[in-house]
């Protein structure tokens, strides 16, 4: 019975949604223990590689990311399996955090799910490409344009500052999308290896 429940995508969806809400409602003093903190990670607080993505700066920050999470669940409900969602979170979260650590040396702190949401979007667009190549190709092009636009020197990273009490860290979006591509490649390899050979 437990195996059936835990292998359902609904179990993961409810679990992550509940975790986001619980962490979001923690007193302000509790959240800094979960956010990405370069020096804390260097001192051995490795849980932050995962927990940084469920911690948020403000309630509005949390609600914006929850809306994005629910939107992706609605759009890609036919593609999302329990295995894919677990793989997405367990692999993408530390990958994004490690890329932040290795590439964004001046970044002291980070919190939020948006980087991982870009990753899930990217993964689903690649995984579902065969079912609807025209629509998914168009969406991938738009995603690439958005990511390139965010990387431009004049891009305003403070456009949500009044809502989230911080600047948008656009590199997290880029790293998340890259991890989504890696995740799609892993899924494709698993599918290829499981396909019976004549």
N, C-alpha and C. Protein backbone atom coordinates (compact mmCIF):
# COMPACT_ATOMS: atom_id res chain seq x y z
N UNK A 1 0.84 -1.21 0.00
CA UNK A 1 0.00 0.00 0.00
C UNK A 1 0.88 1.26 0.00
N UNK A 2 1.89 1.30 0.91
CA UNK A 2 2.77 2.47 0.97
C UNK A 2 3.51 2.66 -0.34
N UNK A 3 3.95 1.51 -0.96
CA UNK A 3 4.68 1.60 -2.23
C UNK A 3 3.82 2.25 -3.30
N UNK A 4 2.52 1.89 -3.33
CA UNK A 4 1.61 2.46 -4.32
C UNK A 4 1.44 3.96 -4.10
N UNK A 5 1.29 4.37 -2.84
CA UNK A 5 1.11 5.79 -2.52
C UNK A 5 2.37 6.58 -2.88
N UNK A 6 3.54 6.07 -2.44
CA UNK A 6 4.78 6.81 -2.64
C UNK A 6 5.23 6.84 -4.10
N UNK A 7 4.69 5.91 -4.92
CA UNK A 7 5.06 5.92 -6.34
C UNK A 7 4.11 6.76 -7.18
N UNK A 8 3.12 7.35 -6.53
CA UNK A 8 2.19 8.22 -7.24
C UNK A 8 2.76 9.63 -7.34
N UNK A 9 2.65 10.27 -8.53
CA UNK A 9 3.13 11.66 -8.61
C UNK A 9 2.41 12.59 -7.64
N UNK A 10 1.16 12.24 -7.31
CA UNK A 10 0.39 13.08 -6.38
C UNK A 10 1.07 13.13 -5.01
N UNK A 11 1.68 12.02 -4.59
CA UNK A 11 2.38 11.98 -3.30
C UNK A 11 3.51 13.01 -3.29
N UNK A 12 4.33 13.03 -4.35
CA UNK A 12 5.43 13.99 -4.41
C UNK A 12 4.90 15.41 -4.48
N UNK A 13 3.87 15.63 -5.29
CA UNK A 13 3.29 16.97 -5.46
C UNK A 13 2.79 17.53 -4.13
N UNK A 14 2.05 16.70 -3.39
CA UNK A 14 1.53 17.12 -2.08
C UNK A 14 2.69 17.34 -1.10
N UNK A 15 3.68 16.43 -1.13
CA UNK A 15 4.82 16.53 -0.23
C UNK A 15 5.59 17.82 -0.45
N UNK A 16 5.94 18.11 -1.71
CA UNK A 16 6.72 19.32 -1.99
C UNK A 16 5.89 20.58 -1.71
N UNK A 17 4.63 20.57 -2.09
CA UNK A 17 3.77 21.74 -1.85
C UNK A 17 3.65 22.01 -0.35
N UNK A 18 3.46 20.94 0.43
CA UNK A 18 3.37 21.09 1.89
C UNK A 18 4.68 21.60 2.47
N UNK A 19 5.79 21.07 1.98
CA UNK A 19 7.10 21.51 2.45
C UNK A 19 7.33 22.99 2.16
N UNK A 20 6.95 23.42 0.96
CA UNK A 20 7.09 24.84 0.60
C UNK A 20 6.27 25.71 1.55
N UNK A 21 5.05 25.29 1.84
CA UNK A 21 4.18 26.08 2.71
C UNK A 21 4.69 26.09 4.15
N UNK A 22 5.13 24.94 4.64
CA UNK A 22 5.63 24.86 6.02
C UNK A 22 6.86 25.75 6.19
N UNK A 23 7.80 25.62 5.26
CA UNK A 23 9.02 26.44 5.35
C UNK A 23 8.68 27.91 5.17
N UNK A 24 7.73 28.20 4.27
CA UNK A 24 7.34 29.59 4.04
C UNK A 24 6.70 30.24 5.24
N UNK A 25 6.08 29.43 6.09
CA UNK A 25 5.41 29.97 7.27
C UNK A 25 6.27 29.92 8.53
N UNK A 26 7.51 29.44 8.38
CA UNK A 26 8.42 29.45 9.53
C UNK A 26 8.69 30.88 9.98
N UNK A 27 8.96 31.09 11.25
CA UNK A 27 9.39 32.42 11.68
C UNK A 27 10.64 32.84 10.92
N UNK A 28 10.82 34.12 10.74
CA UNK A 28 11.94 34.61 9.94
C UNK A 28 13.28 34.08 10.41
N UNK A 29 13.42 33.85 11.70
CA UNK A 29 14.69 33.36 12.23
C UNK A 29 15.03 31.96 11.78
N UNK A 30 14.01 31.16 11.36
CA UNK A 30 14.26 29.79 10.95
C UNK A 30 14.71 29.65 9.51
N UNK A 31 14.24 30.55 8.65
CA UNK A 31 14.53 30.44 7.23
C UNK A 31 16.01 30.59 6.86
N UNK A 32 16.75 31.49 7.54
CA UNK A 32 18.17 31.59 7.19
C UNK A 32 18.96 30.30 7.38
N UNK A 33 18.45 29.36 8.17
CA UNK A 33 19.12 28.08 8.35
C UNK A 33 18.94 27.16 7.16
N UNK A 34 18.07 27.55 6.24
CA UNK A 34 17.78 26.70 5.08
C UNK A 34 18.29 27.28 3.77
N UNK A 35 18.42 28.60 3.69
CA UNK A 35 18.81 29.25 2.44
C UNK A 35 20.24 28.90 2.03
N UNK A 36 20.51 29.09 0.76
CA UNK A 36 21.88 28.91 0.25
C UNK A 36 22.78 29.95 0.92
N UNK A 37 23.85 29.47 1.52
CA UNK A 37 24.82 30.35 2.16
C UNK A 37 26.20 29.75 1.89
N UNK A 38 26.99 30.43 1.09
CA UNK A 38 28.27 29.89 0.64
C UNK A 38 29.15 29.45 1.81
N UNK A 39 29.29 30.33 2.79
CA UNK A 39 30.19 30.04 3.91
C UNK A 39 29.64 28.91 4.79
N UNK A 40 28.32 28.85 4.94
CA UNK A 40 27.72 27.78 5.73
C UNK A 40 27.92 26.42 5.05
N UNK A 41 27.81 26.39 3.73
CA UNK A 41 28.04 25.15 2.99
C UNK A 41 29.49 24.72 3.14
N UNK A 42 30.40 25.69 3.06
CA UNK A 42 31.83 25.38 3.22
C UNK A 42 32.13 24.83 4.62
N UNK A 43 31.30 25.19 5.59
CA UNK A 43 31.52 24.71 6.95
C UNK A 43 30.82 23.39 7.23
N UNK A 44 30.20 22.81 6.18
CA UNK A 44 29.62 21.48 6.31
C UNK A 44 28.11 21.41 6.35
N UNK A 45 27.41 22.53 6.14
CA UNK A 45 25.93 22.52 6.16
C UNK A 45 25.40 22.17 4.76
N UNK A 46 25.62 20.91 4.37
CA UNK A 46 25.33 20.50 3.00
C UNK A 46 23.84 20.38 2.69
N UNK A 47 22.99 20.33 3.74
CA UNK A 47 21.56 20.27 3.48
C UNK A 47 21.08 21.49 2.70
N UNK A 48 21.82 22.58 2.80
CA UNK A 48 21.42 23.81 2.11
C UNK A 48 21.41 23.64 0.59
N UNK A 49 22.15 22.67 0.07
CA UNK A 49 22.15 22.41 -1.37
C UNK A 49 20.75 22.07 -1.85
N UNK A 50 19.94 21.44 -0.99
CA UNK A 50 18.55 21.12 -1.30
C UNK A 50 17.58 22.14 -0.69
N UNK A 51 17.78 22.45 0.58
CA UNK A 51 16.79 23.27 1.29
C UNK A 51 16.72 24.70 0.75
N UNK A 52 17.78 25.18 0.11
CA UNK A 52 17.76 26.54 -0.44
C UNK A 52 16.61 26.74 -1.42
N UNK A 53 16.19 25.65 -2.05
CA UNK A 53 15.17 25.76 -3.10
C UNK A 53 13.74 25.67 -2.56
N UNK A 54 13.60 25.32 -1.28
CA UNK A 54 12.26 25.36 -0.68
C UNK A 54 12.10 26.56 0.26
N UNK A 55 13.20 27.23 0.55
CA UNK A 55 13.14 28.47 1.36
C UNK A 55 12.87 29.65 0.44
N UNK A 56 12.16 30.65 0.96
CA UNK A 56 11.84 31.85 0.17
C UNK A 56 12.06 33.09 1.01
N UNK A 57 12.25 34.21 0.33
CA UNK A 57 12.56 35.46 1.01
C UNK A 57 11.34 36.08 1.70
N UNK A 58 10.20 36.00 1.04
CA UNK A 58 8.96 36.57 1.58
C UNK A 58 7.79 35.66 1.22
N UNK A 59 6.63 35.95 1.78
CA UNK A 59 5.43 35.18 1.44
C UNK A 59 5.08 35.37 -0.03
N UNK A 60 5.25 36.59 -0.56
CA UNK A 60 4.97 36.84 -1.97
C UNK A 60 5.91 36.04 -2.86
N UNK A 61 7.16 35.95 -2.47
CA UNK A 61 8.15 35.14 -3.20
C UNK A 61 7.67 33.69 -3.27
N UNK A 62 7.23 33.17 -2.14
CA UNK A 62 6.71 31.80 -2.07
C UNK A 62 5.49 31.64 -2.97
N UNK A 63 4.54 32.57 -2.89
CA UNK A 63 3.31 32.46 -3.68
C UNK A 63 3.58 32.52 -5.17
N UNK A 64 4.53 33.36 -5.59
CA UNK A 64 4.89 33.43 -7.01
C UNK A 64 5.44 32.09 -7.49
N UNK A 65 6.31 31.48 -6.69
CA UNK A 65 6.88 30.20 -7.10
C UNK A 65 5.87 29.06 -7.00
N UNK A 66 4.98 29.12 -6.01
CA UNK A 66 3.91 28.12 -5.92
C UNK A 66 3.00 28.20 -7.15
N UNK A 67 2.72 29.41 -7.60
CA UNK A 67 1.89 29.58 -8.80
C UNK A 67 2.59 28.96 -10.01
N UNK A 68 3.90 29.20 -10.14
CA UNK A 68 4.66 28.61 -11.24
C UNK A 68 4.68 27.09 -11.16
N UNK A 69 4.83 26.54 -9.95
CA UNK A 69 4.84 25.10 -9.71
C UNK A 69 3.50 24.49 -10.13
N UNK A 70 2.39 25.10 -9.70
CA UNK A 70 1.06 24.59 -10.03
C UNK A 70 0.77 24.72 -11.53
N UNK A 71 1.27 25.78 -12.14
CA UNK A 71 1.08 25.96 -13.58
C UNK A 71 1.79 24.86 -14.36
N UNK A 72 3.03 24.55 -13.99
CA UNK A 72 3.76 23.48 -14.66
C UNK A 72 3.08 22.13 -14.46
N UNK A 73 2.57 21.90 -13.26
CA UNK A 73 1.85 20.65 -12.99
C UNK A 73 0.63 20.51 -13.88
N UNK A 74 -0.06 21.61 -14.10
CA UNK A 74 -1.25 21.58 -14.96
C UNK A 74 -0.91 21.37 -16.42
N UNK A 75 0.12 22.05 -16.90
CA UNK A 75 0.49 21.98 -18.32
C UNK A 75 1.06 20.62 -18.68
N UNK A 76 1.91 20.07 -17.80
CA UNK A 76 2.64 18.85 -18.14
C UNK A 76 2.17 17.64 -17.34
N UNK A 77 0.91 17.64 -16.92
CA UNK A 77 0.42 16.54 -16.07
C UNK A 77 0.57 15.18 -16.73
N UNK A 78 0.52 15.11 -18.07
CA UNK A 78 0.64 13.82 -18.75
C UNK A 78 2.08 13.31 -18.80
N UNK A 79 3.06 14.19 -18.52
CA UNK A 79 4.47 13.80 -18.56
C UNK A 79 5.06 13.51 -17.19
N UNK A 80 4.42 14.02 -16.16
CA UNK A 80 5.02 13.98 -14.82
C UNK A 80 4.71 12.67 -14.10
N UNK A 81 5.77 11.90 -13.91
CA UNK A 81 5.67 10.66 -13.13
C UNK A 81 6.35 10.90 -11.78
N UNK A 82 6.12 9.99 -10.86
CA UNK A 82 6.77 10.09 -9.55
C UNK A 82 8.29 10.04 -9.72
N UNK A 83 8.76 9.11 -10.57
CA UNK A 83 10.21 8.96 -10.78
C UNK A 83 10.84 10.23 -11.32
N UNK A 84 10.17 10.86 -12.29
CA UNK A 84 10.71 12.08 -12.89
C UNK A 84 10.78 13.20 -11.85
N UNK A 85 9.74 13.34 -11.05
CA UNK A 85 9.71 14.42 -10.06
C UNK A 85 10.77 14.22 -8.97
N UNK A 86 10.92 12.99 -8.50
CA UNK A 86 11.97 12.73 -7.50
C UNK A 86 13.34 12.99 -8.09
N UNK A 87 13.56 12.50 -9.31
CA UNK A 87 14.84 12.70 -9.99
C UNK A 87 15.12 14.19 -10.17
N UNK A 88 14.08 14.93 -10.57
CA UNK A 88 14.20 16.38 -10.78
C UNK A 88 14.68 17.07 -9.51
N UNK A 89 14.02 16.79 -8.40
CA UNK A 89 14.38 17.50 -7.18
C UNK A 89 15.70 17.02 -6.59
N UNK A 90 15.88 15.71 -6.51
CA UNK A 90 17.06 15.16 -5.85
C UNK A 90 18.35 15.44 -6.62
N UNK A 91 18.24 15.54 -7.96
CA UNK A 91 19.44 15.82 -8.77
C UNK A 91 19.58 17.30 -9.09
N UNK A 92 18.49 17.93 -9.53
CA UNK A 92 18.58 19.34 -9.96
C UNK A 92 18.91 20.29 -8.82
N UNK A 93 18.34 20.05 -7.63
CA UNK A 93 18.58 20.98 -6.51
C UNK A 93 20.07 21.10 -6.19
N UNK A 94 20.78 19.98 -5.93
CA UNK A 94 22.21 20.13 -5.64
C UNK A 94 23.02 20.59 -6.84
N UNK A 95 22.59 20.22 -8.06
CA UNK A 95 23.33 20.66 -9.26
C UNK A 95 23.27 22.18 -9.41
N UNK A 96 22.07 22.75 -9.24
CA UNK A 96 21.93 24.21 -9.33
C UNK A 96 22.75 24.88 -8.24
N UNK A 97 22.65 24.34 -7.01
CA UNK A 97 23.40 24.92 -5.90
C UNK A 97 24.91 24.85 -6.13
N UNK A 98 25.38 23.71 -6.64
CA UNK A 98 26.82 23.56 -6.90
C UNK A 98 27.28 24.48 -8.02
N UNK A 99 26.44 24.67 -9.03
CA UNK A 99 26.79 25.62 -10.09
C UNK A 99 26.85 27.05 -9.54
N UNK A 100 25.92 27.38 -8.65
CA UNK A 100 25.98 28.69 -7.99
C UNK A 100 27.29 28.82 -7.21
N UNK A 101 27.65 27.75 -6.52
CA UNK A 101 28.88 27.75 -5.71
C UNK A 101 30.13 27.89 -6.58
N UNK A 102 30.16 27.17 -7.69
CA UNK A 102 31.36 27.15 -8.53
C UNK A 102 31.47 28.36 -9.46
N UNK A 103 30.32 28.85 -9.93
CA UNK A 103 30.34 29.90 -10.96
C UNK A 103 30.04 31.30 -10.40
N UNK A 104 29.26 31.39 -9.33
CA UNK A 104 28.86 32.69 -8.80
C UNK A 104 29.54 32.91 -7.45
N UNK A 105 30.83 33.11 -7.51
CA UNK A 105 31.67 33.15 -6.30
C UNK A 105 31.28 34.31 -5.38
N UNK A 106 30.80 35.40 -5.97
CA UNK A 106 30.46 36.57 -5.14
C UNK A 106 29.07 36.46 -4.51
N UNK A 107 28.32 35.42 -4.88
CA UNK A 107 26.96 35.26 -4.35
C UNK A 107 27.03 34.72 -2.92
N UNK A 108 26.54 35.51 -1.98
CA UNK A 108 26.56 35.09 -0.58
C UNK A 108 25.37 34.24 -0.21
N UNK A 109 24.17 34.62 -0.71
CA UNK A 109 22.96 33.92 -0.33
C UNK A 109 21.97 33.81 -1.48
N UNK A 110 21.12 32.81 -1.39
CA UNK A 110 20.10 32.57 -2.42
C UNK A 110 18.99 31.73 -1.81
N UNK A 111 17.76 31.98 -2.24
CA UNK A 111 16.63 31.15 -1.82
C UNK A 111 15.56 31.21 -2.90
N UNK A 112 14.84 30.11 -3.06
CA UNK A 112 13.72 30.12 -4.00
C UNK A 112 13.70 28.92 -4.93
N UNK A 113 12.51 28.63 -5.44
CA UNK A 113 12.29 27.47 -6.29
C UNK A 113 12.41 27.78 -7.78
N UNK A 114 12.55 29.05 -8.14
CA UNK A 114 12.44 29.42 -9.56
C UNK A 114 13.50 28.74 -10.44
N UNK A 115 14.73 28.58 -9.94
CA UNK A 115 15.75 27.90 -10.73
C UNK A 115 15.33 26.48 -11.07
N UNK A 116 14.78 25.77 -10.09
CA UNK A 116 14.33 24.41 -10.33
C UNK A 116 13.10 24.38 -11.23
N UNK A 117 12.25 25.38 -11.15
CA UNK A 117 11.08 25.44 -12.03
C UNK A 117 11.50 25.61 -13.49
N UNK A 118 12.53 26.42 -13.72
CA UNK A 118 13.07 26.53 -15.08
C UNK A 118 13.59 25.18 -15.54
N UNK A 119 14.18 24.43 -14.61
CA UNK A 119 14.69 23.11 -14.94
C UNK A 119 13.59 22.13 -15.29
N UNK A 120 12.50 22.16 -14.52
CA UNK A 120 11.38 21.26 -14.80
C UNK A 120 10.73 21.62 -16.13
N UNK A 121 10.60 22.91 -16.40
CA UNK A 121 10.05 23.36 -17.68
C UNK A 121 10.92 22.86 -18.83
N UNK A 122 12.21 23.08 -18.72
CA UNK A 122 13.15 22.65 -19.76
C UNK A 122 13.07 21.13 -19.96
N UNK A 123 13.10 20.37 -18.87
CA UNK A 123 13.05 18.91 -18.96
C UNK A 123 11.77 18.44 -19.65
N UNK A 124 10.64 19.00 -19.25
CA UNK A 124 9.36 18.58 -19.83
C UNK A 124 9.26 18.93 -21.31
N UNK A 125 9.81 20.08 -21.68
CA UNK A 125 9.77 20.46 -23.10
C UNK A 125 10.60 19.50 -23.95
N UNK A 126 11.75 19.07 -23.43
CA UNK A 126 12.57 18.10 -24.17
C UNK A 126 11.92 16.72 -24.17
N UNK A 127 11.45 16.28 -23.00
CA UNK A 127 10.88 14.93 -22.87
C UNK A 127 9.62 14.79 -23.73
N UNK A 128 8.80 15.83 -23.77
CA UNK A 128 7.54 15.77 -24.51
C UNK A 128 7.65 16.20 -25.96
N UNK A 129 8.87 16.45 -26.42
CA UNK A 129 9.06 16.99 -27.77
C UNK A 129 8.47 16.09 -28.85
N UNK A 130 8.63 14.79 -28.73
CA UNK A 130 8.13 13.87 -29.77
C UNK A 130 6.62 13.93 -29.92
N UNK A 131 5.92 14.19 -28.82
CA UNK A 131 4.46 14.22 -28.85
C UNK A 131 3.93 15.45 -29.59
N UNK A 132 4.65 16.56 -29.45
CA UNK A 132 4.21 17.80 -30.08
C UNK A 132 5.44 18.63 -30.46
N UNK A 133 6.16 18.21 -31.51
CA UNK A 133 7.44 18.85 -31.84
C UNK A 133 7.34 20.34 -32.17
N UNK A 134 6.28 20.75 -32.85
CA UNK A 134 6.18 22.16 -33.25
C UNK A 134 5.99 23.05 -32.03
N UNK A 135 5.02 22.70 -31.18
CA UNK A 135 4.73 23.51 -29.99
C UNK A 135 5.92 23.51 -29.03
N UNK A 136 6.51 22.35 -28.82
CA UNK A 136 7.62 22.26 -27.88
C UNK A 136 8.87 22.96 -28.41
N UNK A 137 9.09 22.90 -29.72
CA UNK A 137 10.23 23.62 -30.32
C UNK A 137 10.05 25.12 -30.14
N UNK A 138 8.84 25.60 -30.38
CA UNK A 138 8.55 27.02 -30.21
C UNK A 138 8.76 27.44 -28.75
N UNK A 139 8.27 26.62 -27.83
CA UNK A 139 8.43 26.93 -26.40
C UNK A 139 9.90 26.91 -26.00
N UNK A 140 10.68 25.98 -26.54
CA UNK A 140 12.12 25.93 -26.23
C UNK A 140 12.85 27.15 -26.77
N UNK A 141 12.44 27.61 -27.94
CA UNK A 141 13.04 28.83 -28.51
C UNK A 141 12.72 30.03 -27.62
N UNK A 142 11.46 30.14 -27.19
CA UNK A 142 11.07 31.24 -26.31
C UNK A 142 11.81 31.18 -24.97
N UNK A 143 11.99 29.96 -24.46
CA UNK A 143 12.73 29.79 -23.21
C UNK A 143 14.18 30.23 -23.39
N UNK A 144 14.79 29.84 -24.50
CA UNK A 144 16.18 30.23 -24.77
C UNK A 144 16.30 31.75 -24.91
N UNK A 145 15.34 32.38 -25.58
CA UNK A 145 15.34 33.85 -25.73
C UNK A 145 15.23 34.51 -24.36
N UNK A 146 14.34 33.99 -23.54
CA UNK A 146 14.16 34.54 -22.19
C UNK A 146 15.46 34.44 -21.38
N UNK A 147 16.10 33.27 -21.43
CA UNK A 147 17.35 33.07 -20.68
C UNK A 147 18.46 33.98 -21.20
N UNK A 148 18.54 34.13 -22.52
CA UNK A 148 19.56 35.03 -23.10
C UNK A 148 19.28 36.47 -22.72
N UNK A 149 18.01 36.86 -22.73
CA UNK A 149 17.63 38.23 -22.35
C UNK A 149 18.04 38.49 -20.90
N UNK A 150 17.79 37.52 -20.02
CA UNK A 150 18.15 37.68 -18.61
C UNK A 150 19.66 37.83 -18.40
N UNK A 151 20.44 37.31 -19.34
CA UNK A 151 21.89 37.37 -19.20
C UNK A 151 22.50 38.67 -19.74
N UNK A 152 21.68 39.51 -20.34
CA UNK A 152 22.20 40.76 -20.88
C UNK A 152 22.59 41.72 -19.76
N UNK A 153 23.68 42.49 -19.96
CA UNK A 153 24.17 43.39 -18.90
C UNK A 153 23.13 44.39 -18.39
N UNK A 154 22.23 44.84 -19.26
CA UNK A 154 21.26 45.84 -18.83
C UNK A 154 19.98 45.27 -18.23
N UNK A 155 19.91 43.96 -18.07
CA UNK A 155 18.68 43.35 -17.56
C UNK A 155 18.43 43.79 -16.11
N UNK A 156 17.20 44.19 -15.82
CA UNK A 156 16.84 44.69 -14.49
C UNK A 156 16.51 43.52 -13.56
N UNK A 157 17.45 43.14 -12.72
CA UNK A 157 17.23 42.03 -11.79
C UNK A 157 16.43 42.45 -10.55
N UNK A 158 16.12 43.73 -10.47
CA UNK A 158 15.38 44.23 -9.30
C UNK A 158 13.91 44.46 -9.56
N UNK A 159 13.39 43.93 -10.68
CA UNK A 159 12.00 44.24 -11.03
C UNK A 159 10.98 43.65 -10.07
N UNK A 160 11.38 42.66 -9.29
CA UNK A 160 10.46 42.08 -8.29
C UNK A 160 10.84 42.42 -6.86
N UNK A 161 11.78 43.35 -6.70
CA UNK A 161 12.32 43.61 -5.37
C UNK A 161 11.27 44.04 -4.35
N UNK A 162 10.27 44.79 -4.80
CA UNK A 162 9.22 45.23 -3.88
C UNK A 162 8.38 44.05 -3.38
N UNK A 163 8.35 42.96 -4.15
CA UNK A 163 7.54 41.79 -3.81
C UNK A 163 8.35 40.74 -3.03
N UNK A 164 9.61 40.53 -3.46
CA UNK A 164 10.36 39.41 -2.89
C UNK A 164 11.49 39.86 -1.97
N UNK A 165 11.65 41.17 -1.77
CA UNK A 165 12.67 41.71 -0.86
C UNK A 165 14.08 41.28 -1.26
N UNK A 166 14.30 41.20 -2.55
CA UNK A 166 15.62 40.84 -3.05
C UNK A 166 15.62 40.88 -4.57
N UNK A 167 16.80 40.73 -5.13
CA UNK A 167 16.91 40.73 -6.58
C UNK A 167 16.75 39.31 -7.13
N UNK A 168 16.28 39.22 -8.37
CA UNK A 168 16.17 37.93 -9.04
C UNK A 168 17.58 37.50 -9.44
N UNK A 169 17.97 36.31 -9.05
CA UNK A 169 19.29 35.81 -9.45
C UNK A 169 19.11 35.00 -10.72
N UNK A 170 19.33 35.66 -11.86
CA UNK A 170 19.01 35.06 -13.16
C UNK A 170 19.87 33.85 -13.48
N UNK A 171 21.07 33.77 -12.91
CA UNK A 171 21.92 32.61 -13.19
C UNK A 171 21.29 31.32 -12.67
N UNK A 172 20.51 31.42 -11.61
CA UNK A 172 19.81 30.23 -11.10
C UNK A 172 18.84 29.71 -12.16
N UNK A 173 18.19 30.61 -12.89
CA UNK A 173 17.29 30.20 -13.97
C UNK A 173 18.07 29.48 -15.07
N UNK A 174 19.21 30.06 -15.44
CA UNK A 174 20.05 29.47 -16.48
C UNK A 174 20.54 28.09 -16.05
N UNK A 175 21.06 27.98 -14.84
CA UNK A 175 21.58 26.70 -14.35
C UNK A 175 20.46 25.67 -14.24
N UNK A 176 19.28 26.13 -13.80
CA UNK A 176 18.14 25.23 -13.70
C UNK A 176 17.75 24.67 -15.05
N UNK A 177 17.69 25.54 -16.07
CA UNK A 177 17.34 25.09 -17.42
C UNK A 177 18.38 24.11 -17.96
N UNK A 178 19.65 24.37 -17.68
CA UNK A 178 20.71 23.45 -18.09
C UNK A 178 20.53 22.09 -17.41
N UNK A 179 20.23 22.10 -16.13
CA UNK A 179 20.01 20.85 -15.39
C UNK A 179 18.79 20.11 -15.94
N UNK A 180 17.79 20.86 -16.38
CA UNK A 180 16.62 20.24 -17.00
C UNK A 180 16.99 19.49 -18.27
N UNK A 181 17.91 20.06 -19.04
CA UNK A 181 18.40 19.38 -20.24
C UNK A 181 19.12 18.09 -19.88
N UNK A 182 19.93 18.14 -18.83
CA UNK A 182 20.63 16.93 -18.35
C UNK A 182 19.62 15.89 -17.89
N UNK A 183 18.60 16.32 -17.16
CA UNK A 183 17.57 15.42 -16.67
C UNK A 183 16.84 14.75 -17.84
N UNK A 184 16.52 15.53 -18.87
CA UNK A 184 15.85 14.96 -20.05
C UNK A 184 16.75 13.93 -20.74
N UNK A 185 18.06 14.19 -20.76
CA UNK A 185 19.01 13.23 -21.36
C UNK A 185 19.04 11.93 -20.55
N UNK A 186 19.01 12.05 -19.21
CA UNK A 186 18.98 10.86 -18.35
C UNK A 186 17.73 10.04 -18.61
N UNK A 187 16.59 10.72 -18.71
CA UNK A 187 15.32 10.03 -18.97
C UNK A 187 15.36 9.35 -20.34
N UNK A 188 15.92 10.03 -21.34
CA UNK A 188 16.01 9.46 -22.69
C UNK A 188 16.91 8.22 -22.69
N UNK A 189 18.02 8.27 -21.96
CA UNK A 189 18.94 7.12 -21.88
C UNK A 189 18.26 5.94 -21.19
N UNK A 190 17.55 6.22 -20.11
CA UNK A 190 16.84 5.15 -19.39
C UNK A 190 15.80 4.51 -20.29
N UNK A 191 15.08 5.34 -21.04
CA UNK A 191 14.05 4.84 -21.94
C UNK A 191 14.68 3.99 -23.04
N UNK A 192 15.82 4.44 -23.57
CA UNK A 192 16.51 3.70 -24.64
C UNK A 192 16.99 2.35 -24.13
N UNK A 193 17.55 2.32 -22.91
CA UNK A 193 18.07 1.07 -22.36
C UNK A 193 16.97 0.09 -22.01
N UNK A 194 15.78 0.61 -21.70
CA UNK A 194 14.66 -0.27 -21.34
C UNK A 194 13.88 -0.76 -22.56
N UNK A 195 14.11 -0.15 -23.72
CA UNK A 195 13.39 -0.55 -24.93
C UNK A 195 13.89 -1.91 -25.39
N UNK A 196 12.99 -2.88 -25.57
CA UNK A 196 13.43 -4.22 -26.02
C UNK A 196 14.06 -4.15 -27.42
N UNK A 197 15.14 -4.87 -27.59
CA UNK A 197 15.83 -4.94 -28.88
C UNK A 197 15.34 -6.15 -29.66
N UNK A 198 15.20 -6.01 -31.00
CA UNK A 198 14.74 -7.15 -31.82
C UNK A 198 15.80 -8.24 -31.87
